[in-house]
Amino acid sequence: MVAEADLLLPAATDCVAKNVYFIDAFNTAWMKQQGINVVCIFDRRHFSRFDELTLADL
């Protein structure tokens, strides 16, 4: 059994479609599931490819 297995397919799809690291896509899928749409992160290059996220300044 894999924790959060339902997030693997959307993460893999976004990983390829948006050309981002798998862990970034997985974290974004988890955030969507949790209703989180604002993120403070240093890796703005990859996370900026997700239109549904708002990137907050640090």
Protein backbone atom coordinates (compact mmCIF):
# COMPACT_ATOMS: atom_id res chain seq x y z
CA MET A 1 0.00 0.00 0.00
CA VAL A 2 1.28 3.46 -0.91
CA ALA A 3 0.35 6.54 1.10
CA GLU A 4 -1.45 9.12 -1.04
CA ALA A 5 -1.56 6.70 -4.00
CA ASP A 6 -4.39 8.72 -5.55
CA LEU A 7 -1.94 11.57 -6.11
CA LEU A 8 0.62 9.56 -8.09
CA LEU A 9 -1.15 9.71 -11.47
CA PRO A 10 -1.93 13.47 -11.38
CA ALA A 11 1.62 14.13 -10.20
CA ALA A 12 3.16 12.01 -12.96
CA THR A 13 0.94 13.70 -15.54
CA ASP A 14 1.91 17.20 -14.36
CA CYS A 15 5.54 16.17 -14.12
CA VAL A 16 5.61 15.47 -17.84
CA ALA A 17 3.15 18.12 -19.03
CA LYS A 18 4.69 21.00 -17.08
CA ASN A 19 8.31 19.78 -17.22
CA VAL A 20 8.82 19.95 -13.44
CA TYR A 21 10.39 17.63 -10.88
CA PHE A 22 8.11 14.81 -9.76
CA ILE A 23 8.28 15.92 -6.11
CA ASP A 24 7.14 19.44 -7.09
CA ALA A 25 4.21 17.97 -9.02
CA PHE A 26 3.37 15.62 -6.14
CA ASN A 27 3.49 18.45 -3.60
CA THR A 28 1.25 20.57 -5.80
CA ALA A 29 -1.24 17.69 -6.18
CA TRP A 30 -1.26 17.30 -2.38
CA MET A 31 -1.79 21.04 -1.91
CA LYS A 32 -4.73 20.98 -4.34
CA GLN A 33 -6.24 18.07 -2.39
CA GLN A 34 -5.87 20.03 0.86
CA GLY A 35 -7.29 23.24 -0.61
CA ILE A 36 -3.97 25.09 -0.37
CA ASN A 37 -3.36 27.53 -3.23
CA VAL A 38 -0.76 29.96 -1.82
CA VAL A 39 2.84 28.86 -1.44
CA CYS A 40 6.04 30.47 -0.16
CA ILE A 41 8.90 28.70 -1.90
CA PHE A 42 12.38 29.40 -3.22
CA ASP A 43 11.80 27.21 -6.32
CA ARG A 44 9.66 29.75 -8.13
CA ARG A 45 10.74 28.48 -11.55
CA HIS A 46 8.88 25.17 -11.27
CA PHE A 47 6.00 26.22 -9.05
CA SER A 48 5.21 29.18 -11.34
CA ARG A 49 4.17 26.64 -14.00
CA PHE A 50 1.07 25.76 -11.94
CA ASP A 51 -1.54 28.39 -12.78
CA GLU A 52 -3.71 27.39 -9.82
CA LEU A 53 -1.00 28.42 -7.31
CA THR A 54 -0.26 31.88 -6.01
CA LEU A 55 3.40 32.38 -5.19
CA ALA A 56 3.89 34.59 -2.14
CA ASP A 57 7.04 36.59 -1.64
CA LEU A 58 9.34 35.50 1.16
